[in-house]
Amino acid sequence: MFWKRKNKLPITEADKVWIDKELNWLREEFGKEHFNLIRTVTPTEDFFERNFNGTKEDAEFILERTMELMNIKDIDITLEYFSDSPIEMADGTILTTPADIDGSWESATGTYQQTETETIISIETKQLKNPVSLIATISHELAHQILLGENRIEENDEYLTDLTAIVYGFGIFLGNSRFQFNSKEFGWESSVQGYLPEQIIAYVMAWLSKERNENTDYSSHLKKTIRKYFDQSLAWLKENEK
Protein backbone atom coordinates (compact mmCIF):
# COMPACT_ATOMS: atom_id res chain seq x y z
CA MET A 1 0.00 0.00 0.00
CA PHE A 2 1.29 3.45 -0.88
CA TRP A 3 0.73 6.22 1.61
CA LYS A 4 0.30 9.82 0.58
CA ARG A 5 3.20 11.83 1.92
CA LYS A 6 2.12 14.92 3.82
CA ASN A 7 3.52 18.27 2.80
CA LYS A 8 6.09 19.69 5.22
CA LEU A 9 7.04 23.30 5.85
CA PRO A 10 10.69 24.27 5.21
CA ILE A 11 10.66 26.50 8.32
CA THR A 12 10.40 25.81 12.05
CA GLU A 13 7.24 26.27 14.07
CA ALA A 14 8.89 29.15 15.94
CA ASP A 15 9.67 30.86 12.62
CA LYS A 16 6.08 30.39 11.48
CA VAL A 17 4.68 31.92 14.68
CA TRP A 18 6.94 34.98 14.31
CA ILE A 19 6.19 35.43 10.60
CA ASP A 20 2.42 35.07 10.98
CA LYS A 21 2.43 37.56 13.86
CA GLU A 22 4.47 40.17 11.98
CA LEU A 23 2.53 39.77 8.74
CA ASN A 24 -0.77 40.28 10.55
CA TRP A 25 0.69 43.35 12.29
CA LEU A 26 1.81 44.81 8.95
CA ARG A 27 -1.64 44.14 7.49
CA GLU A 28 -3.21 46.16 10.30
CA GLU A 29 -0.62 48.92 9.88
CA PHE A 30 -1.13 49.30 6.14
CA GLY A 31 -4.85 48.61 6.17
CA LYS A 32 -6.34 45.34 4.97
CA GLU A 33 -7.55 46.69 1.63
CA HIS A 34 -4.19 48.23 0.68
CA PHE A 35 -2.29 45.20 2.02
CA ASN A 36 -4.25 42.78 -0.15
CA LEU A 37 -4.03 44.91 -3.28
CA ILE A 38 -0.21 45.02 -3.33
CA ARG A 39 1.13 43.18 -6.39
CA THR A 40 4.14 40.90 -6.49
CA VAL A 41 6.87 42.67 -8.45
CA THR A 42 8.58 40.60 -11.14
CA PRO A 43 11.85 41.25 -13.01
CA THR A 44 9.98 42.14 -16.18
CA GLU A 45 9.19 45.23 -18.23
CA ASP A 46 5.75 45.30 -16.62
CA PHE A 47 7.43 46.83 -13.58
CA PHE A 48 10.86 48.09 -14.73
CA GLU A 49 10.72 49.20 -18.35
CA ARG A 50 14.33 50.11 -18.93
CA ASN A 51 17.54 48.78 -20.44
CA PHE A 52 20.01 48.70 -17.55
CA ASN A 53 23.62 49.63 -18.24
CA GLY A 54 25.09 49.72 -14.73
CA THR A 55 24.91 53.50 -14.37
CA LYS A 56 23.92 55.74 -11.50
CA GLU A 57 21.05 56.94 -13.68
CA ASP A 58 19.76 53.34 -13.56
CA ALA A 59 19.88 53.44 -9.77
CA GLU A 60 17.98 56.74 -9.70
CA PHE A 61 15.34 55.22 -11.96
CA ILE A 62 15.02 52.16 -9.70
CA LEU A 63 14.74 54.35 -6.60
CA GLU A 64 11.95 56.44 -8.12
CA ARG A 65 10.07 53.42 -9.48
CA THR A 66 10.44 51.43 -6.26
CA MET A 67 9.17 54.36 -4.20
CA GLU A 68 6.11 54.43 -6.45
CA LEU A 69 5.53 50.68 -6.03
CA MET A 70 5.97 50.93 -2.24
CA ASN A 71 3.56 53.86 -1.99
CA ILE A 72 6.20 56.23 -0.57
CA LYS A 73 5.17 59.81 -1.31
CA ASP A 74 5.91 63.39 -0.35
CA ILE A 75 9.55 62.83 0.54
CA ASP A 76 12.83 63.48 -1.26
CA ILE A 77 15.42 60.75 -0.82
CA THR A 78 19.06 61.34 -1.76
CA LEU A 79 20.95 58.45 -3.33
CA GLU A 80 24.65 58.19 -2.51
CA TYR A 81 27.32 55.57 -3.22
CA PHE A 82 30.19 53.82 -1.46
CA SER A 83 32.61 51.05 -2.41
CA ASP A 84 33.78 47.85 -0.75
CA SER A 85 36.26 47.19 -3.55
CA PRO A 86 40.01 47.03 -2.82
CA ILE A 87 41.63 50.47 -2.58
CA GLU A 88 45.28 51.18 -3.34
CA MET A 89 46.74 53.71 -0.90
CA ALA A 90 49.47 56.25 -1.72
CA ASP A 91 52.16 54.02 -0.18
CA GLY A 92 51.08 51.04 -2.29
CA THR A 93 49.13 49.33 0.49
CA ILE A 94 45.98 47.55 -0.68
CA LEU A 95 42.90 47.80 1.51
CA THR A 96 40.60 44.89 0.77
CA THR A 97 37.20 43.68 1.88
CA PRO A 98 37.03 41.64 5.08
CA ALA A 99 36.88 38.28 3.27
CA ASP A 100 37.16 35.05 5.22
CA ILE A 101 39.41 32.14 4.26
CA ASP A 102 36.79 30.83 1.82
CA GLY A 103 36.61 34.16 -0.02
CA SER A 104 33.18 35.12 1.31
CA TRP A 105 32.06 38.05 3.40
CA GLU A 106 29.00 39.86 4.60
CA SER A 107 29.25 43.54 3.77
CA ALA A 108 26.60 46.19 3.53
CA THR A 109 24.98 46.46 0.13
CA GLY A 110 23.11 49.58 1.20
CA THR A 111 22.42 51.85 4.16
CA TYR A 112 19.58 54.09 5.31
CA GLN A 113 20.10 57.35 7.18
CA GLN A 114 17.57 59.91 8.33
CA THR A 115 18.78 63.29 9.61
CA GLU A 116 16.91 66.41 10.65
CA THR A 117 17.17 67.77 7.11
CA GLU A 118 17.31 64.81 4.72
CA THR A 119 16.90 61.11 4.12
CA ILE A 120 19.82 59.30 2.48
CA ILE A 121 20.12 55.85 0.95
CA SER A 122 23.67 54.76 0.16
CA ILE A 123 24.38 51.96 -2.33
CA GLU A 124 27.52 49.86 -2.72
CA THR A 125 28.74 50.58 -6.25
CA LYS A 126 29.03 46.92 -7.32
CA GLN A 127 25.24 46.75 -7.04
CA LEU A 128 25.01 48.88 -10.18
CA LYS A 129 26.11 45.90 -12.28
CA ASN A 130 23.28 43.69 -11.02
CA PRO A 131 19.78 45.19 -11.39
CA VAL A 132 18.08 42.35 -9.47
CA SER A 133 20.42 42.80 -6.51
CA LEU A 134 20.13 46.58 -6.74
CA ILE A 135 16.33 46.44 -6.68
CA ALA A 136 16.47 44.10 -3.66
CA THR A 137 18.79 46.51 -1.84
CA ILE A 138 16.76 49.63 -2.61
CA SER A 139 13.47 47.97 -1.63
CA HIS A 140 15.02 46.95 1.70
CA GLU A 141 16.33 50.46 2.38
CA LEU A 142 12.97 51.98 1.45
CA ALA A 143 11.32 49.55 3.88
CA HIS A 144 13.35 51.35 6.56
CA GLN A 145 11.59 54.54 5.49
CA ILE A 146 8.19 52.84 5.85
CA LEU A 147 9.00 51.52 9.33
CA LEU A 148 11.38 54.06 10.87
CA GLY A 149 10.78 57.12 8.71
CA GLU A 150 7.00 56.87 9.12
CA ASN A 151 7.36 56.16 12.86
CA ARG A 152 5.85 52.67 12.82
CA ILE A 153 8.68 51.33 14.99
CA GLU A 154 11.10 53.06 17.35
CA GLU A 155 14.15 50.78 17.01
CA ASN A 156 15.65 49.33 13.87
CA ASP A 157 14.72 45.73 13.08
CA GLU A 158 16.46 44.36 9.98
CA TYR A 159 14.40 41.15 9.87
CA LEU A 160 11.13 43.08 9.97
CA THR A 161 12.57 45.41 7.33
CA ASP A 162 13.22 42.50 4.95
CA LEU A 163 9.72 41.23 5.72
CA THR A 164 8.24 44.62 4.86
CA ALA A 165 10.02 44.69 1.50
CA ILE A 166 8.56 41.25 0.73
CA VAL A 167 5.08 42.40 1.75
CA TYR A 168 5.45 45.22 -0.77
CA GLY A 169 6.07 42.65 -3.48
CA PHE A 170 9.87 42.38 -3.67
CA GLY A 171 10.31 38.81 -2.43
CA ILE A 172 11.52 37.50 -5.80
CA PHE A 173 14.36 40.04 -5.79
CA LEU A 174 15.33 39.41 -2.17
CA GLY A 175 15.15 35.65 -2.60
CA ASN A 176 17.18 35.51 -5.81
CA SER A 177 19.81 37.86 -4.35
CA ARG A 178 20.23 36.00 -1.07
CA PHE A 179 23.33 34.04 -2.16
CA GLN A 180 25.58 35.18 -4.99
CA PHE A 181 28.70 33.64 -6.51
CA ASN A 182 31.16 35.53 -8.71
CA SER A 183 34.31 34.42 -10.49
CA LYS A 184 37.64 35.95 -9.49
CA GLU A 185 41.12 35.75 -10.92
CA PHE A 186 42.03 32.92 -8.55
CA GLY A 187 38.70 31.20 -8.08
CA TRP A 188 35.25 32.14 -6.83
CA GLU A 189 33.89 34.46 -4.19
CA SER A 190 30.50 34.26 -2.52
CA SER A 191 28.49 36.91 -0.74
CA VAL A 192 25.34 36.95 1.33
CA GLN A 193 22.75 39.69 0.89
CA GLY A 194 19.85 40.44 3.18
CA TYR A 195 18.87 39.09 6.57
CA LEU A 196 16.11 36.50 6.18
CA PRO A 197 17.07 33.00 4.97
CA GLU A 198 15.68 31.61 1.73
CA GLN A 199 13.23 29.31 3.53
CA ILE A 200 11.58 32.20 5.33
CA ILE A 201 11.50 34.42 2.24
CA ALA A 202 9.83 31.57 0.35
CA TYR A 203 7.25 30.96 3.09
CA VAL A 204 6.38 34.66 3.29
CA MET A 205 5.85 34.82 -0.48
CA ALA A 206 3.66 31.71 -0.34
CA TRP A 207 1.67 33.17 2.58
CA LEU A 208 1.08 36.39 0.65
CA SER A 209 0.29 34.55 -2.58
CA LYS A 210 -2.41 32.52 -0.88
CA GLU A 211 -3.76 35.45 1.14
CA ARG A 212 -3.95 37.71 -1.91
CA ASN A 213 -5.22 34.95 -4.20
CA GLU A 214 -2.40 35.68 -6.65
CA ASN A 215 -1.77 34.18 -10.05
CA THR A 216 1.90 35.20 -10.28
CA ASP A 217 4.02 32.60 -12.09
CA TYR A 218 6.73 32.30 -9.44
CA SER A 219 8.29 29.27 -11.15
CA SER A 220 9.38 31.49 -14.06
CA HIS A 221 11.27 33.92 -11.85
CA LEU A 222 12.64 32.14 -8.77
CA LYS A 223 15.97 30.36 -8.57
CA LYS A 224 15.77 26.58 -8.15
CA THR A 225 16.35 26.30 -4.39
CA ILE A 226 14.01 29.03 -3.26
CA ARG A 227 11.41 27.86 -5.81
CA LYS A 228 11.42 24.47 -4.07
CA TYR A 229 10.86 26.11 -0.66
CA PHE A 230 8.07 28.25 -2.14
CA ASP A 231 6.28 25.24 -3.62
CA GLN A 232 6.58 23.32 -0.33
CA SER A 233 5.22 26.27 1.65
CA LEU A 234 2.31 26.96 -0.69
CA ALA A 235 1.29 23.31 -0.76
CA TRP A 236 1.37 23.16 3.06
CA LEU A 237 -0.65 26.36 3.41
CA LYS A 238 -3.32 25.18 0.99
CA GLU A 239 -3.54 21.89 2.87
CA ASN A 240 -3.53 23.27 6.42
CA GLU A 241 -4.59 26.93 6.37
CA LYS A 242 -8.18 26.88 5.14
C-alpha atoms as a PDB file:
ATOM      1  CA  MET A   1       0.000   0.000   0.000  1.00  0.00           C
ATOM      2  CA  PHE A   2       1.290   3.454  -0.882  1.00  0.00           C
ATOM      3  CA  TRP A   3       0.731   6.222   1.613  1.00  0.00           C
ATOM      4  CA  LYS A   4       0.299   9.818   0.576  1.00  0.00           C
ATOM      5  CA  ARG A   5       3.196  11.833   1.916  1.00  0.00           C
ATOM      6  CA  LYS A   6       2.122  14.921   3.822  1.00  0.00           C
ATOM      7  CA  ASN A   7       3.520  18.272   2.799  1.00  0.00           C
ATOM      8  CA  LYS A   8       6.090  19.693   5.215  1.00  0.00           C
ATOM      9  CA  LEU A   9       7.038  23.302   5.852  1.00  0.00           C
ATOM     10  CA  PRO A  10      10.689  24.271   5.211  1.00  0.00           C
ATOM     11  CA  ILE A  11      10.664  26.503   8.317  1.00  0.00           C
ATOM     12  CA  THR A  12      10.397  25.807  12.050  1.00  0.00           C
ATOM     13  CA  GLU A  13       7.237  26.267  14.068  1.00  0.00           C
ATOM     14  CA  ALA A  14       8.891  29.151  15.943  1.00  0.00           C
ATOM     15  CA  ASP A  15       9.670  30.857  12.617  1.00  0.00           C
ATOM     16  CA  LYS A  16       6.079  30.390  11.484  1.00  0.00           C
ATOM     17  CA  VAL A  17       4.683  31.922  14.677  1.00  0.00           C
ATOM     18  CA  TRP A  18       6.943  34.979  14.309  1.00  0.00           C
ATOM     19  CA  ILE A  19       6.192  35.433  10.598  1.00  0.00           C
ATOM     20  CA  ASP A  20       2.424  35.068  10.979  1.00  0.00           C
ATOM     21  CA  LYS A  21       2.428  37.561  13.857  1.00  0.00           C
ATOM     22  CA  GLU A  22       4.466  40.173  11.983  1.00  0.00           C
ATOM     23  CA  LEU A  23       2.526  39.770   8.741  1.00  0.00           C
ATOM     24  CA  ASN A  24      -0.766  40.276  10.550  1.00  0.00           C
ATOM     25  CA  TRP A  25       0.694  43.346  12.287  1.00  0.00           C
ATOM     26  CA  LEU A  26       1.812  44.809   8.947  1.00  0.00           C
ATOM     27  CA  ARG A  27      -1.639  44.140   7.490  1.00  0.00           C
ATOM     28  CA  GLU A  28      -3.208  46.158  10.296  1.00  0.00           C
ATOM     29  CA  GLU A  29      -0.619  48.923   9.885  1.00  0.00           C
ATOM     30  CA  PHE A  30      -1.125  49.300   6.137  1.00  0.00           C
ATOM     31  CA  GLY A  31      -4.855  48.615   6.169  1.00  0.00           C
ATOM     32  CA  LYS A  32      -6.338  45.342   4.972  1.00  0.00           C
ATOM     33  CA  GLU A  33      -7.548  46.691   1.631  1.00  0.00           C
ATOM     34  CA  HIS A  34      -4.193  48.229   0.682  1.00  0.00           C
ATOM     35  CA  PHE A  35      -2.293  45.198   2.020  1.00  0.00           C
ATOM     36  CA  ASN A  36      -4.252  42.778  -0.146  1.00  0.00           C
ATOM     37  CA  LEU A  37      -4.032  44.910  -3.285  1.00  0.00           C
ATOM     38  CA  ILE A  38      -0.207  45.019  -3.329  1.00  0.00           C
ATOM     39  CA  ARG A  39       1.132  43.183  -6.386  1.00  0.00           C
ATOM     40  CA  THR A  40       4.136  40.899  -6.495  1.00  0.00           C
ATOM     41  CA  VAL A  41       6.870  42.672  -8.449  1.00  0.00           C
ATOM     42  CA  THR A  42       8.576  40.596 -11.136  1.00  0.00           C
ATOM     43  CA  PRO A  43      11.846  41.247 -13.008  1.00  0.00           C
ATOM     44  CA  THR A  44       9.978  42.136 -16.184  1.00  0.00           C
ATOM     45  CA  GLU A  45       9.193  45.226 -18.227  1.00  0.00           C
ATOM     46  CA  ASP A  46       5.748  45.302 -16.625  1.00  0.00           C
ATOM     47  CA  PHE A  47       7.435  46.834 -13.579  1.00  0.00           C
ATOM     48  CA  PHE A  48      10.858  48.089 -14.728  1.00  0.00           C
ATOM     49  CA  GLU A  49      10.718  49.200 -18.352  1.00  0.00           C
ATOM     50  CA  ARG A  50      14.329  50.114 -18.929  1.00  0.00           C
ATOM     51  CA  ASN A  51      17.539  48.783 -20.441  1.00  0.00           C
ATOM     52  CA  PHE A  52      20.007  48.701 -17.552  1.00  0.00           C
ATOM     53  CA  ASN A  53      23.622  49.626 -18.244  1.00  0.00           C
ATOM     54  CA  GLY A  54      25.093  49.717 -14.735  1.00  0.00           C
ATOM     55  CA  THR A  55      24.906  53.495 -14.368  1.00  0.00           C
ATOM     56  CA  LYS A  56      23.924  55.741 -11.502  1.00  0.00           C
ATOM     57  CA  GLU A  57      21.049  56.935 -13.676  1.00  0.00           C
ATOM     58  CA  ASP A  58      19.760  53.343 -13.562  1.00  0.00           C
ATOM     59  CA  ALA A  59      19.876  53.443  -9.766  1.00  0.00           C
ATOM     60  CA  GLU A  60      17.985  56.737  -9.696  1.00  0.00           C
ATOM     61  CA  PHE A  61      15.336  55.219 -11.958  1.00  0.00           C
ATOM     62  CA  ILE A  62      15.025  52.158  -9.699  1.00  0.00           C
ATOM     63  CA  LEU A  63      14.738  54.351  -6.602  1.00  0.00           C
ATOM     64  CA  GLU A  64      11.954  56.440  -8.123  1.00  0.00           C
ATOM     65  CA  ARG A  65      10.068  53.424  -9.485  1.00  0.00           C
ATOM     66  CA  THR A  66      10.440  51.432  -6.260  1.00  0.00           C
ATOM     67  CA  MET A  67       9.172  54.359  -4.198  1.00  0.00           C
ATOM     68  CA  GLU A  68       6.112  54.430  -6.453  1.00  0.00           C
ATOM     69  CA  LEU A  69       5.534  50.684  -6.032  1.00  0.00           C
ATOM     70  CA  MET A  70       5.967  50.930  -2.242  1.00  0.00           C
ATOM     71  CA  ASN A  71       3.556  53.858  -1.986  1.00  0.00           C
ATOM     72  CA  ILE A  72       6.202  56.230  -0.573  1.00  0.00           C
ATOM     73  CA  LYS A  73       5.168  59.805  -1.306  1.00  0.00           C
ATOM     74  CA  ASP A  74       5.906  63.388  -0.351  1.00  0.00           C
ATOM     75  CA  ILE A  75       9.547  62.831   0.545  1.00  0.00           C
ATOM     76  CA  ASP A  76      12.828  63.485  -1.258  1.00  0.00           C
ATOM     77  CA  ILE A  77      15.424  60.754  -0.822  1.00  0.00           C
ATOM     78  CA  THR A  78      19.058  61.344  -1.760  1.00  0.00           C
ATOM     79  CA  LEU A  79      20.947  58.445  -3.329  1.00  0.00           C
ATOM     80  CA  GLU A  80      24.652  58.192  -2.510  1.00  0.00           C
ATOM     81  CA  TYR A  81      27.315  55.571  -3.220  1.00  0.00           C
ATOM     82  CA  PHE A  82      30.186  53.819  -1.458  1.00  0.00           C
ATOM     83  CA  SER A  83      32.609  51.048  -2.414  1.00  0.00           C
ATOM     84  CA  ASP A  84      33.782  47.850  -0.746  1.00  0.00           C
ATOM     85  CA  SER A  85      36.261  47.193  -3.554  1.00  0.00           C
ATOM     86  CA  PRO A  86      40.008  47.031  -2.824  1.00  0.00           C
ATOM     87  CA  ILE A  87      41.633  50.474  -2.576  1.00  0.00           C
ATOM     88  CA  GLU A  88      45.283  51.182  -3.338  1.00  0.00           C
ATOM     89  CA  MET A  89      46.743  53.713  -0.896  1.00  0.00           C
ATOM     90  CA  ALA A  90      49.467  56.253  -1.718  1.00  0.00           C
ATOM     91  CA  ASP A  91      52.159  54.017  -0.182  1.00  0.00           C
ATOM     92  CA  GLY A  92      51.083  51.038  -2.291  1.00  0.00           C
ATOM     93  CA  THR A  93      49.130  49.334   0.494  1.00  0.00           C
ATOM     94  CA  ILE A  94      45.975  47.552  -0.682  1.00  0.00           C
ATOM     95  CA  LEU A  95      42.902  47.796   1.508  1.00  0.00           C
ATOM     96  CA  THR A  96      40.599  44.891   0.768  1.00  0.00           C
ATOM     97  CA  THR A  97      37.196  43.679   1.879  1.00  0.00           C
ATOM     98  CA  PRO A  98      37.031  41.637   5.082  1.00  0.00           C
ATOM     99  CA  ALA A  99      36.876  38.281   3.274  1.00  0.00           C
ATOM    100  CA  ASP A 100      37.163  35.048   5.220  1.00  0.00           C
ATOM    101  CA  ILE A 101      39.407  32.141   4.262  1.00  0.00           C
ATOM    102  CA  ASP A 102      36.794  30.831   1.818  1.00  0.00           C
ATOM    103  CA  GLY A 103      36.606  34.158  -0.017  1.00  0.00           C
ATOM    104  CA  SER A 104      33.183  35.118   1.306  1.00  0.00           C
ATOM    105  CA  TRP A 105      32.056  38.046   3.400  1.00  0.00           C
ATOM    106  CA  GLU A 106      28.998  39.857   4.598  1.00  0.00           C
ATOM    107  CA  SER A 107      29.250  43.536   3.771  1.00  0.00           C
ATOM    108  CA  ALA A 108      26.604  46.193   3.533  1.00  0.00           C
ATOM    109  CA  THR A 109      24.977  46.457   0.132  1.00  0.00           C
ATOM    110  CA  GLY A 110      23.114  49.577   1.202  1.00  0.00           C
ATOM    111  CA  THR A 111      22.422  51.846   4.156  1.00  0.00           C
ATOM    112  CA  TYR A 112      19.583  54.086   5.305  1.00  0.00           C
ATOM    113  CA  GLN A 113      20.098  57.346   7.176  1.00  0.00           C
ATOM    114  CA  GLN A 114      17.568  59.914   8.333  1.00  0.00           C
ATOM    115  CA  THR A 115      18.781  63.288   9.611  1.00  0.00           C
ATOM    116  CA  GLU A 116      16.909  66.412  10.647  1.00  0.00           C
ATOM    117  CA  THR A 117      17.172  67.773   7.112  1.00  0.00           C
ATOM    118  CA  GLU A 118      17.310  64.812   4.721  1.00  0.00           C
ATOM    119  CA  THR A 119      16.897  61.107   4.118  1.00  0.00           C
ATOM    120  CA  ILE A 120      19.823  59.304   2.481  1.00  0.00           C
ATOM    121  CA  ILE A 121      20.118  55.849   0.951  1.00  0.00           C
ATOM    122  CA  SER A 122      23.671  54.758   0.162  1.00  0.00           C
ATOM    123  CA  ILE A 123      24.377  51.964  -2.328  1.00  0.00           C
ATOM    124  CA  GLU A 124      27.524  49.857  -2.720  1.00  0.00           C
ATOM    125  CA  THR A 125      28.740  50.583  -6.250  1.00  0.00           C
ATOM    126  CA  LYS A 126      29.033  46.921  -7.316  1.00  0.00           C
ATOM    127  CA  GLN A 127      25.243  46.753  -7.037  1.00  0.00           C
ATOM    128  CA  LEU A 128      25.011  48.879 -10.178  1.00  0.00           C
ATOM    129  CA  LYS A 129      26.107  45.895 -12.279  1.00  0.00           C
ATOM    130  CA  ASN A 130      23.281  43.688 -11.022  1.00  0.00           C
ATOM    131  CA  PRO A 131      19.780  45.186 -11.389  1.00  0.00           C
ATOM    132  CA  VAL A 132      18.075  42.348  -9.468  1.00  0.00           C
ATOM    133  CA  SER A 133      20.418  42.795  -6.507  1.00  0.00           C
ATOM    134  CA  LEU A 134      20.127  46.581  -6.738  1.00  0.00           C
ATOM    135  CA  ILE A 135      16.329  46.436  -6.682  1.00  0.00           C
ATOM    136  CA  ALA A 136      16.472  44.101  -3.664  1.00  0.00           C
ATOM    137  CA  THR A 137      18.786  46.514  -1.842  1.00  0.00           C
ATOM    138  CA  ILE A 138      16.758  49.631  -2.609  1.00  0.00           C
ATOM    139  CA  SER A 139      13.472  47.966  -1.633  1.00  0.00           C
ATOM    140  CA  HIS A 140      15.025  46.951   1.698  1.00  0.00           C
ATOM    141  CA  GLU A 141      16.335  50.464   2.381  1.00  0.00           C
ATOM    142  CA  LEU A 142      12.966  51.977   1.453  1.00  0.00           C
ATOM    143  CA  ALA A 143      11.323  49.555   3.885  1.00  0.00           C
ATOM    144  CA  HIS A 144      13.354  51.353   6.561  1.00  0.00           C
ATOM    145  CA  GLN A 145      11.586  54.538   5.491  1.00  0.00           C
ATOM    146  CA  ILE A 146       8.193  52.842   5.853  1.00  0.00           C
ATOM    147  CA  LEU A 147       9.001  51.517   9.329  1.00  0.00           C
ATOM    148  CA  LEU A 148      11.383  54.064  10.871  1.00  0.00           C
ATOM    149  CA  GLY A 149      10.778  57.121   8.710  1.00  0.00           C
ATOM    150  CA  GLU A 150       6.999  56.869   9.115  1.00  0.00           C
ATOM    151  CA  ASN A 151       7.362  56.157  12.858  1.00  0.00           C
ATOM    152  CA  ARG A 152       5.849  52.674  12.822  1.00  0.00           C
ATOM    153  CA  ILE A 153       8.675  51.332  14.987  1.00  0.00           C
ATOM    154  CA  GLU A 154      11.102  53.064  17.353  1.00  0.00           C
ATOM    155  CA  GLU A 155      14.149  50.784  17.014  1.00  0.00           C
ATOM    156  CA  ASN A 156      15.652  49.334  13.867  1.00  0.00           C
ATOM    157  CA  ASP A 157      14.717  45.727  13.078  1.00  0.00           C
ATOM    158  CA  GLU A 158      16.457  44.358   9.977  1.00  0.00           C
ATOM    159  CA  TYR A 159      14.397  41.150   9.873  1.00  0.00           C
ATOM    160  CA  LEU A 160      11.128  43.079   9.970  1.00  0.00           C
ATOM    161  CA  THR A 161      12.570  45.410   7.328  1.00  0.00           C
ATOM    162  CA  ASP A 162      13.225  42.498   4.954  1.00  0.00           C
ATOM    163  CA  LEU A 163       9.719  41.228   5.720  1.00  0.00           C
ATOM    164  CA  THR A 164       8.236  44.616   4.861  1.00  0.00           C
ATOM    165  CA  ALA A 165      10.018  44.687   1.500  1.00  0.00           C
ATOM    166  CA  ILE A 166       8.562  41.252   0.728  1.00  0.00           C
ATOM    167  CA  VAL A 167       5.080  42.401   1.754  1.00  0.00           C
ATOM    168  CA  TYR A 168       5.452  45.223  -0.774  1.00  0.00           C
ATOM    169  CA  GLY A 169       6.074  42.649  -3.479  1.00  0.00           C
ATOM    170  CA  PHE A 170       9.871  42.384  -3.673  1.00  0.00           C
ATOM    171  CA  GLY A 171      10.311  38.809  -2.434  1.00  0.00           C
ATOM    172  CA  ILE A 172      11.522  37.495  -5.802  1.00  0.00           C
ATOM    173  CA  PHE A 173      14.357  40.035  -5.792  1.00  0.00           C
ATOM    174  CA  LEU A 174      15.326  39.411  -2.167  1.00  0.00           C
ATOM    175  CA  GLY A 175      15.154  35.655  -2.599  1.00  0.00           C
ATOM    176  CA  ASN A 176      17.176  35.513  -5.815  1.00  0.00           C
ATOM    177  CA  SER A 177      19.810  37.862  -4.350  1.00  0.00           C
ATOM    178  CA  ARG A 178      20.234  36.005  -1.072  1.00  0.00           C
ATOM    179  CA  PHE A 179      23.326  34.041  -2.159  1.00  0.00           C
ATOM    180  CA  GLN A 180      25.584  35.183  -4.989  1.00  0.00           C
ATOM    181  CA  PHE A 181      28.701  33.644  -6.513  1.00  0.00           C
ATOM    182  CA  ASN A 182      31.156  35.531  -8.708  1.00  0.00           C
ATOM    183  CA  SER A 183      34.308  34.421 -10.491  1.00  0.00           C
ATOM    184  CA  LYS A 184      37.637  35.949  -9.485  1.00  0.00           C
ATOM    185  CA  GLU A 185      41.118  35.747 -10.925  1.00  0.00           C
ATOM    186  CA  PHE A 186      42.028  32.921  -8.551  1.00  0.00           C
ATOM    187  CA  GLY A 187      38.698  31.196  -8.078  1.00  0.00           C
ATOM    188  CA  TRP A 188      35.245  32.140  -6.830  1.00  0.00           C
ATOM    189  CA  GLU A 189      33.890  34.458  -4.186  1.00  0.00           C
ATOM    190  CA  SER A 190      30.498  34.261  -2.522  1.00  0.00           C
ATOM    191  CA  SER A 191      28.487  36.913  -0.739  1.00  0.00           C
ATOM    192  CA  VAL A 192      25.336  36.955   1.330  1.00  0.00           C
ATOM    193  CA  GLN A 193      22.747  39.689   0.886  1.00  0.00           C
ATOM    194  CA  GLY A 194      19.850  40.439   3.180  1.00  0.00           C
ATOM    195  CA  TYR A 195      18.871  39.089   6.574  1.00  0.00           C
ATOM    196  CA  LEU A 196      16.112  36.502   6.183  1.00  0.00           C
ATOM    197  CA  PRO A 197      17.072  33.001   4.970  1.00  0.00           C
ATOM    198  CA  GLU A 198      15.681  31.614   1.730  1.00  0.00           C
ATOM    199  CA  GLN A 199      13.235  29.305   3.531  1.00  0.00           C
ATOM    200  CA  ILE A 200      11.576  32.203   5.333  1.00  0.00           C
ATOM    201  CA  ILE A 201      11.498  34.422   2.241  1.00  0.00           C
ATOM    202  CA  ALA A 202       9.827  31.573   0.345  1.00  0.00           C
ATOM    203  CA  TYR A 203       7.247  30.961   3.086  1.00  0.00           C
ATOM    204  CA  VAL A 204       6.378  34.658   3.286  1.00  0.00           C
ATOM    205  CA  MET A 205       5.854  34.820  -0.485  1.00  0.00           C
ATOM    206  CA  ALA A 206       3.661  31.711  -0.337  1.00  0.00           C
ATOM    207  CA  TRP A 207       1.666  33.169   2.576  1.00  0.00           C
ATOM    208  CA  LEU A 208       1.080  36.386   0.648  1.00  0.00           C
ATOM    209  CA  SER A 209       0.291  34.552  -2.583  1.00  0.00           C
ATOM    210  CA  LYS A 210      -2.412  32.516  -0.884  1.00  0.00           C
ATOM    211  CA  GLU A 211      -3.765  35.449   1.141  1.00  0.00           C
ATOM    212  CA  ARG A 212      -3.955  37.712  -1.912  1.00  0.00           C
ATOM    213  CA  ASN A 213      -5.224  34.952  -4.204  1.00  0.00           C
ATOM    214  CA  GLU A 214      -2.400  35.677  -6.649  1.00  0.00           C
ATOM    215  CA  ASN A 215      -1.772  34.178 -10.051  1.00  0.00           C
ATOM    216  CA  THR A 216       1.901  35.197 -10.284  1.00  0.00           C
ATOM    217  CA  ASP A 217       4.016  32.602 -12.091  1.00  0.00           C
ATOM    218  CA  TYR A 218       6.730  32.296  -9.441  1.00  0.00           C
ATOM    219  CA  SER A 219       8.295  29.272 -11.150  1.00  0.00           C
ATOM    220  CA  SER A 220       9.382  31.486 -14.056  1.00  0.00           C
ATOM    221  CA  HIS A 221      11.268  33.921 -11.851  1.00  0.00           C
ATOM    222  CA  LEU A 222      12.636  32.139  -8.765  1.00  0.00           C
ATOM    223  CA  LYS A 223      15.973  30.362  -8.568  1.00  0.00           C
ATOM    224  CA  LYS A 224      15.774  26.584  -8.153  1.00  0.00           C
ATOM    225  CA  THR A 225      16.354  26.303  -4.386  1.00  0.00           C
ATOM    226  CA  ILE A 226      14.007  29.033  -3.264  1.00  0.00           C
ATOM    227  CA  ARG A 227      11.412  27.861  -5.814  1.00  0.00           C
ATOM    228  CA  LYS A 228      11.421  24.465  -4.070  1.00  0.00           C
ATOM    229  CA  TYR A 229      10.857  26.107  -0.663  1.00  0.00           C
ATOM    230  CA  PHE A 230       8.073  28.249  -2.142  1.00  0.00           C
ATOM    231  CA  ASP A 231       6.285  25.239  -3.616  1.00  0.00           C
ATOM    232  CA  GLN A 232       6.578  23.321  -0.328  1.00  0.00           C
ATOM    233  CA  SER A 233       5.219  26.273   1.645  1.00  0.00           C
ATOM    234  CA  LEU A 234       2.305  26.959  -0.689  1.00  0.00           C
ATOM    235  CA  ALA A 235       1.294  23.305  -0.757  1.00  0.00           C
ATOM    236  CA  TRP A 236       1.371  23.157   3.057  1.00  0.00           C
ATOM    237  CA  LEU A 237      -0.651  26.362   3.410  1.00  0.00           C
ATOM    238  CA  LYS A 238      -3.318  25.178   0.989  1.00  0.00           C
ATOM    239  CA  GLU A 239      -3.541  21.887   2.867  1.00  0.00           C
ATOM    240  CA  ASN A 240      -3.532  23.267   6.417  1.00  0.00           C
ATOM    241  CA  GLU A 241      -4.593  26.929   6.373  1.00  0.00           C
ATOM    242  CA  LYS A 242      -8.179  26.883   5.137  1.00  0.00           C
END
